[in-house]
């Protein structure tokens, strides 16, 4: 039974919705831990939201930038989807999720080795068959099995019966 209550939300707030039927609980907790370890108190709060239906979505609620630089009006709050497993065709790599969070809450922050690795990955993709569906990466699924992912599309996806 789900109940709703009104409360104060600390922004930026990151909400990780994950399918309990697909057993993505540990994956969601891992991403939450990684974001807290990297950003600490720059994040207002992280919520883990159990759902069903093959959902794995990471959303950030944050203050939107004012439309005019000299604007004295209070900033509004907006939601930004950082990752959606169904539209992105898989799960994020930790470095990519951290990059997307950083780009919103601390755009000038250097993520050190993560930034250097992302730059190398982009350069390698530009020169080595990026866009070629036959190029595949290996990712572990929720049961620890390796599945091939080429161009972000999983060649095999395990889902619970309700998620299919």
C-alpha atoms as a PDB file:
ATOM      1  CA  UNK A   1       0.000   0.000   0.000  1.00  0.00           C
ATOM      2  CA  UNK A   2       1.430   3.356  -1.024  1.00  0.00           C
ATOM      3  CA  UNK A   3       0.527   6.556   0.772  1.00  0.00           C
ATOM      4  CA  UNK A   4       1.426  10.102  -0.156  1.00  0.00           C
ATOM      5  CA  UNK A   5       2.364  12.931   2.188  1.00  0.00           C
ATOM      6  CA  UNK A   6       3.461  16.490   1.671  1.00  0.00           C
ATOM      7  CA  UNK A   7       6.910  17.338   2.972  1.00  0.00           C
ATOM      8  CA  UNK A   8       9.866  19.584   2.330  1.00  0.00           C
ATOM      9  CA  UNK A   9      12.214  18.266  -0.338  1.00  0.00           C
ATOM     10  CA  UNK A  10      15.905  19.087  -0.323  1.00  0.00           C
ATOM     11  CA  UNK A  11      17.183  19.887  -3.782  1.00  0.00           C
ATOM     12  CA  UNK A  12      18.931  18.709  -5.728  1.00  0.00           C
ATOM     13  CA  UNK A  13      17.024  15.478  -5.141  1.00  0.00           C
ATOM     14  CA  UNK A  14      17.845  12.341  -7.075  1.00  0.00           C
ATOM     15  CA  UNK A  15      15.130   9.691  -7.299  1.00  0.00           C
ATOM     16  CA  UNK A  16      16.010   6.198  -8.476  1.00  0.00           C
ATOM     17  CA  UNK A  17      12.933   4.184  -9.437  1.00  0.00           C
ATOM     18  CA  UNK A  18      13.708   0.486  -9.836  1.00  0.00           C
ATOM     19  CA  UNK A  19      11.721  -2.666 -10.550  1.00  0.00           C
ATOM     20  CA  UNK A  20      11.639  -4.980  -7.542  1.00  0.00           C
ATOM     21  CA  UNK A  21      10.341  -7.846  -9.677  1.00  0.00           C
ATOM     22  CA  UNK A  22      13.484  -7.626 -11.817  1.00  0.00           C
ATOM     23  CA  UNK A  23      15.537  -7.546  -8.600  1.00  0.00           C
ATOM     24  CA  UNK A  24      17.294  -4.277  -9.384  1.00  0.00           C
ATOM     25  CA  UNK A  25      17.392  -3.267  -5.690  1.00  0.00           C
ATOM     26  CA  UNK A  26      21.168  -3.660  -5.305  1.00  0.00           C
ATOM     27  CA  UNK A  27      21.851  -1.859  -8.570  1.00  0.00           C
ATOM     28  CA  UNK A  28      19.772   1.121  -7.406  1.00  0.00           C
ATOM     29  CA  UNK A  29      21.473   1.172  -4.004  1.00  0.00           C
ATOM     30  CA  UNK A  30      24.904   0.960  -5.661  1.00  0.00           C
ATOM     31  CA  UNK A  31      24.200   3.992  -7.876  1.00  0.00           C
ATOM     32  CA  UNK A  32      22.893   5.926  -4.859  1.00  0.00           C
ATOM     33  CA  UNK A  33      26.048   5.101  -2.889  1.00  0.00           C
ATOM     34  CA  UNK A  34      28.324   6.094  -5.785  1.00  0.00           C
ATOM     35  CA  UNK A  35      26.559   9.448  -6.223  1.00  0.00           C
ATOM     36  CA  UNK A  36      26.712  10.188  -2.488  1.00  0.00           C
ATOM     37  CA  UNK A  37      30.397   9.235  -2.365  1.00  0.00           C
ATOM     38  CA  UNK A  38      31.226  11.551  -5.273  1.00  0.00           C
ATOM     39  CA  UNK A  39      28.960  14.538  -4.564  1.00  0.00           C
ATOM     40  CA  UNK A  40      28.434  14.353  -0.782  1.00  0.00           C
ATOM     41  CA  UNK A  41      26.486  17.322   0.521  1.00  0.00           C
ATOM     42  CA  UNK A  42      26.116  18.843  -2.955  1.00  0.00           C
ATOM     43  CA  UNK A  43      23.136  16.479  -3.242  1.00  0.00           C
ATOM     44  CA  UNK A  44      20.168  17.381  -1.077  1.00  0.00           C
ATOM     45  CA  UNK A  45      18.801  13.836  -0.934  1.00  0.00           C
ATOM     46  CA  UNK A  46      18.590  10.552  -2.797  1.00  0.00           C
ATOM     47  CA  UNK A  47      15.405   8.497  -2.848  1.00  0.00           C
ATOM     48  CA  UNK A  48      15.125   4.820  -3.742  1.00  0.00           C
ATOM     49  CA  UNK A  49      11.635   4.168  -5.078  1.00  0.00           C
ATOM     50  CA  UNK A  50      10.547   0.531  -5.515  1.00  0.00           C
ATOM     51  CA  UNK A  51       8.179  -0.005  -8.469  1.00  0.00           C
ATOM     52  CA  UNK A  52       7.276  -2.771 -10.904  1.00  0.00           C
ATOM     53  CA  UNK A  53       7.073  -2.976 -14.680  1.00  0.00           C
ATOM     54  CA  UNK A  54      10.742  -3.151 -15.690  1.00  0.00           C
ATOM     55  CA  UNK A  55      11.351   0.460 -14.658  1.00  0.00           C
ATOM     56  CA  UNK A  56      14.820   1.804 -13.922  1.00  0.00           C
ATOM     57  CA  UNK A  57      14.743   5.591 -14.054  1.00  0.00           C
ATOM     58  CA  UNK A  58      17.013   8.174 -12.445  1.00  0.00           C
ATOM     59  CA  UNK A  59      15.440  11.623 -12.128  1.00  0.00           C
ATOM     60  CA  UNK A  60      16.811  14.808 -10.597  1.00  0.00           C
ATOM     61  CA  UNK A  61      14.667  17.536  -9.079  1.00  0.00           C
ATOM     62  CA  UNK A  62      16.698  20.742  -9.061  1.00  0.00           C
ATOM     63  CA  UNK A  63      16.461  24.514  -9.155  1.00  0.00           C
ATOM     64  CA  UNK A  64      16.152  25.704 -12.736  1.00  0.00           C
ATOM     65  CA  UNK A  65      18.452  28.472 -13.866  1.00  0.00           C
ATOM     66  CA  UNK A  66      16.740  31.873 -14.008  1.00  0.00           C
ATOM     67  CA  UNK A  67      15.648  32.875 -17.505  1.00  0.00           C
ATOM     68  CA  UNK A  68      17.345  36.264 -17.242  1.00  0.00           C
ATOM     69  CA  UNK A  69      20.728  36.711 -15.541  1.00  0.00           C
ATOM     70  CA  UNK A  70      19.544  39.804 -13.654  1.00  0.00           C
ATOM     71  CA  UNK A  71      16.212  38.253 -12.714  1.00  0.00           C
ATOM     72  CA  UNK A  72      15.168  38.780  -9.105  1.00  0.00           C
ATOM     73  CA  UNK A  73      12.354  36.270  -9.336  1.00  0.00           C
ATOM     74  CA  UNK A  74      12.881  33.063  -7.363  1.00  0.00           C
ATOM     75  CA  UNK A  75      14.191  30.146  -9.351  1.00  0.00           C
ATOM     76  CA  UNK A  76      11.728  27.435 -10.180  1.00  0.00           C
ATOM     77  CA  UNK A  77      12.154  23.743  -9.535  1.00  0.00           C
ATOM     78  CA  UNK A  78      12.273  21.314 -12.431  1.00  0.00           C
ATOM     79  CA  UNK A  79      12.637  17.569 -12.957  1.00  0.00           C
ATOM     80  CA  UNK A  80      15.246  16.215 -15.345  1.00  0.00           C
ATOM     81  CA  UNK A  81      15.400  12.570 -16.357  1.00  0.00           C
ATOM     82  CA  UNK A  82      19.056  11.592 -16.117  1.00  0.00           C
ATOM     83  CA  UNK A  83      18.567   7.997 -17.243  1.00  0.00           C
ATOM     84  CA  UNK A  84      15.679   5.812 -18.350  1.00  0.00           C
ATOM     85  CA  UNK A  85      16.520   2.177 -18.997  1.00  0.00           C
ATOM     86  CA  UNK A  86      13.807   1.810 -21.622  1.00  0.00           C
ATOM     87  CA  UNK A  87      14.750   4.858 -23.710  1.00  0.00           C
ATOM     88  CA  UNK A  88      18.519   4.409 -23.249  1.00  0.00           C
ATOM     89  CA  UNK A  89      18.216   0.647 -23.887  1.00  0.00           C
ATOM     90  CA  UNK A  90      20.098  -0.440 -20.785  1.00  0.00           C
ATOM     91  CA  UNK A  91      21.687   0.724 -17.581  1.00  0.00           C
ATOM     92  CA  UNK A  92      24.129   3.608 -17.195  1.00  0.00           C
ATOM     93  CA  UNK A  93      27.789   3.213 -16.493  1.00  0.00           C
ATOM     94  CA  UNK A  94      28.617   4.868 -13.192  1.00  0.00           C
ATOM     95  CA  UNK A  95      30.908   7.433 -14.837  1.00  0.00           C
ATOM     96  CA  UNK A  96      28.160   8.490 -17.281  1.00  0.00           C
ATOM     97  CA  UNK A  97      25.590   8.919 -14.501  1.00  0.00           C
ATOM     98  CA  UNK A  98      28.053  10.964 -12.434  1.00  0.00           C
ATOM     99  CA  UNK A  99      28.809  13.104 -15.483  1.00  0.00           C
ATOM    100  CA  UNK A 100      25.111  13.837 -16.034  1.00  0.00           C
ATOM    101  CA  UNK A 101      24.599  14.752 -12.363  1.00  0.00           C
ATOM    102  CA  UNK A 102      27.685  16.987 -12.386  1.00  0.00           C
ATOM    103  CA  UNK A 103      26.571  18.767 -15.563  1.00  0.00           C
ATOM    104  CA  UNK A 104      23.461  19.964 -13.715  1.00  0.00           C
ATOM    105  CA  UNK A 105      24.563  20.650 -10.149  1.00  0.00           C
ATOM    106  CA  UNK A 106      28.243  21.603 -10.550  1.00  0.00           C
ATOM    107  CA  UNK A 107      29.056  22.165 -14.240  1.00  0.00           C
ATOM    108  CA  UNK A 108      32.518  23.602 -13.526  1.00  0.00           C
ATOM    109  CA  UNK A 109      33.559  20.716 -11.284  1.00  0.00           C
ATOM    110  CA  UNK A 110      36.356  18.439 -12.485  1.00  0.00           C
ATOM    111  CA  UNK A 111      35.532  14.779 -11.936  1.00  0.00           C
ATOM    112  CA  UNK A 112      39.189  13.861 -12.317  1.00  0.00           C
ATOM    113  CA  UNK A 113      39.758  10.398 -13.742  1.00  0.00           C
ATOM    114  CA  UNK A 114      36.082  10.095 -14.741  1.00  0.00           C
ATOM    115  CA  UNK A 115      36.353  13.119 -17.055  1.00  0.00           C
ATOM    116  CA  UNK A 116      39.569  11.818 -18.580  1.00  0.00           C
ATOM    117  CA  UNK A 117      38.034   8.364 -19.117  1.00  0.00           C
ATOM    118  CA  UNK A 118      34.874   9.829 -20.722  1.00  0.00           C
ATOM    119  CA  UNK A 119      37.062  11.870 -23.081  1.00  0.00           C
ATOM    120  CA  UNK A 120      39.063   8.753 -24.056  1.00  0.00           C
ATOM    121  CA  UNK A 121      35.845   6.766 -24.591  1.00  0.00           C
ATOM    122  CA  UNK A 122      34.424   9.453 -26.894  1.00  0.00           C
ATOM    123  CA  UNK A 123      37.667   9.664 -28.881  1.00  0.00           C
ATOM    124  CA  UNK A 124      37.769   5.870 -29.228  1.00  0.00           C
ATOM    125  CA  UNK A 125      34.153   5.774 -30.408  1.00  0.00           C
ATOM    126  CA  UNK A 126      34.834   8.468 -32.988  1.00  0.00           C
ATOM    127  CA  UNK A 127      37.646   6.449 -34.500  1.00  0.00           C
ATOM    128  CA  UNK A 128      36.482   2.872 -34.096  1.00  0.00           C
ATOM    129  CA  UNK A 129      33.152   1.859 -35.546  1.00  0.00           C
ATOM    130  CA  UNK A 130      30.931   4.013 -33.389  1.00  0.00           C
ATOM    131  CA  UNK A 131      27.471   3.612 -34.743  1.00  0.00           C
ATOM    132  CA  UNK A 132      28.234   0.066 -35.916  1.00  0.00           C
ATOM    133  CA  UNK A 133      25.678  -2.259 -34.322  1.00  0.00           C
ATOM    134  CA  UNK A 134      28.169  -5.123 -34.508  1.00  0.00           C
ATOM    135  CA  UNK A 135      30.415  -3.354 -31.976  1.00  0.00           C
ATOM    136  CA  UNK A 136      29.383  -4.622 -28.554  1.00  0.00           C
ATOM    137  CA  UNK A 137      30.256  -4.017 -24.926  1.00  0.00           C
ATOM    138  CA  UNK A 138      29.682  -6.535 -22.190  1.00  0.00           C
ATOM    139  CA  UNK A 139      27.574  -5.563 -19.179  1.00  0.00           C
ATOM    140  CA  UNK A 140      26.435  -7.675 -16.256  1.00  0.00           C
ATOM    141  CA  UNK A 141      22.719  -8.163 -15.775  1.00  0.00           C
ATOM    142  CA  UNK A 142      21.001  -8.295 -12.375  1.00  0.00           C
ATOM    143  CA  UNK A 143      21.987 -11.958 -11.979  1.00  0.00           C
ATOM    144  CA  UNK A 144      25.658 -11.322 -12.730  1.00  0.00           C
ATOM    145  CA  UNK A 145      25.441 -12.821 -16.228  1.00  0.00           C
ATOM    146  CA  UNK A 146      27.185 -10.993 -19.050  1.00  0.00           C
ATOM    147  CA  UNK A 147      25.024  -9.639 -21.854  1.00  0.00           C
ATOM    148  CA  UNK A 148      26.245  -7.985 -25.024  1.00  0.00           C
ATOM    149  CA  UNK A 149      25.240  -4.394 -25.569  1.00  0.00           C
ATOM    150  CA  UNK A 150      25.921  -2.806 -28.965  1.00  0.00           C
ATOM    151  CA  UNK A 151      25.003   0.813 -29.592  1.00  0.00           C
ATOM    152  CA  UNK A 152      23.173   0.779 -26.271  1.00  0.00           C
ATOM    153  CA  UNK A 153      20.795  -1.999 -27.339  1.00  0.00           C
ATOM    154  CA  UNK A 154      20.840  -5.129 -25.255  1.00  0.00           C
ATOM    155  CA  UNK A 155      20.925  -8.259 -27.356  1.00  0.00           C
ATOM    156  CA  UNK A 156      19.355 -10.091 -24.442  1.00  0.00           C
ATOM    157  CA  UNK A 157      17.277  -8.513 -21.720  1.00  0.00           C
ATOM    158  CA  UNK A 158      15.990 -10.396 -18.724  1.00  0.00           C
ATOM    159  CA  UNK A 159      12.795  -9.039 -17.259  1.00  0.00           C
ATOM    160  CA  UNK A 160      10.181 -10.281 -14.880  1.00  0.00           C
ATOM    161  CA  UNK A 161       6.925 -11.619 -16.335  1.00  0.00           C
ATOM    162  CA  UNK A 162       5.073  -8.338 -15.670  1.00  0.00           C
ATOM    163  CA  UNK A 163       7.838  -6.335 -17.372  1.00  0.00           C
ATOM    164  CA  UNK A 164       7.714  -8.098 -20.734  1.00  0.00           C
END
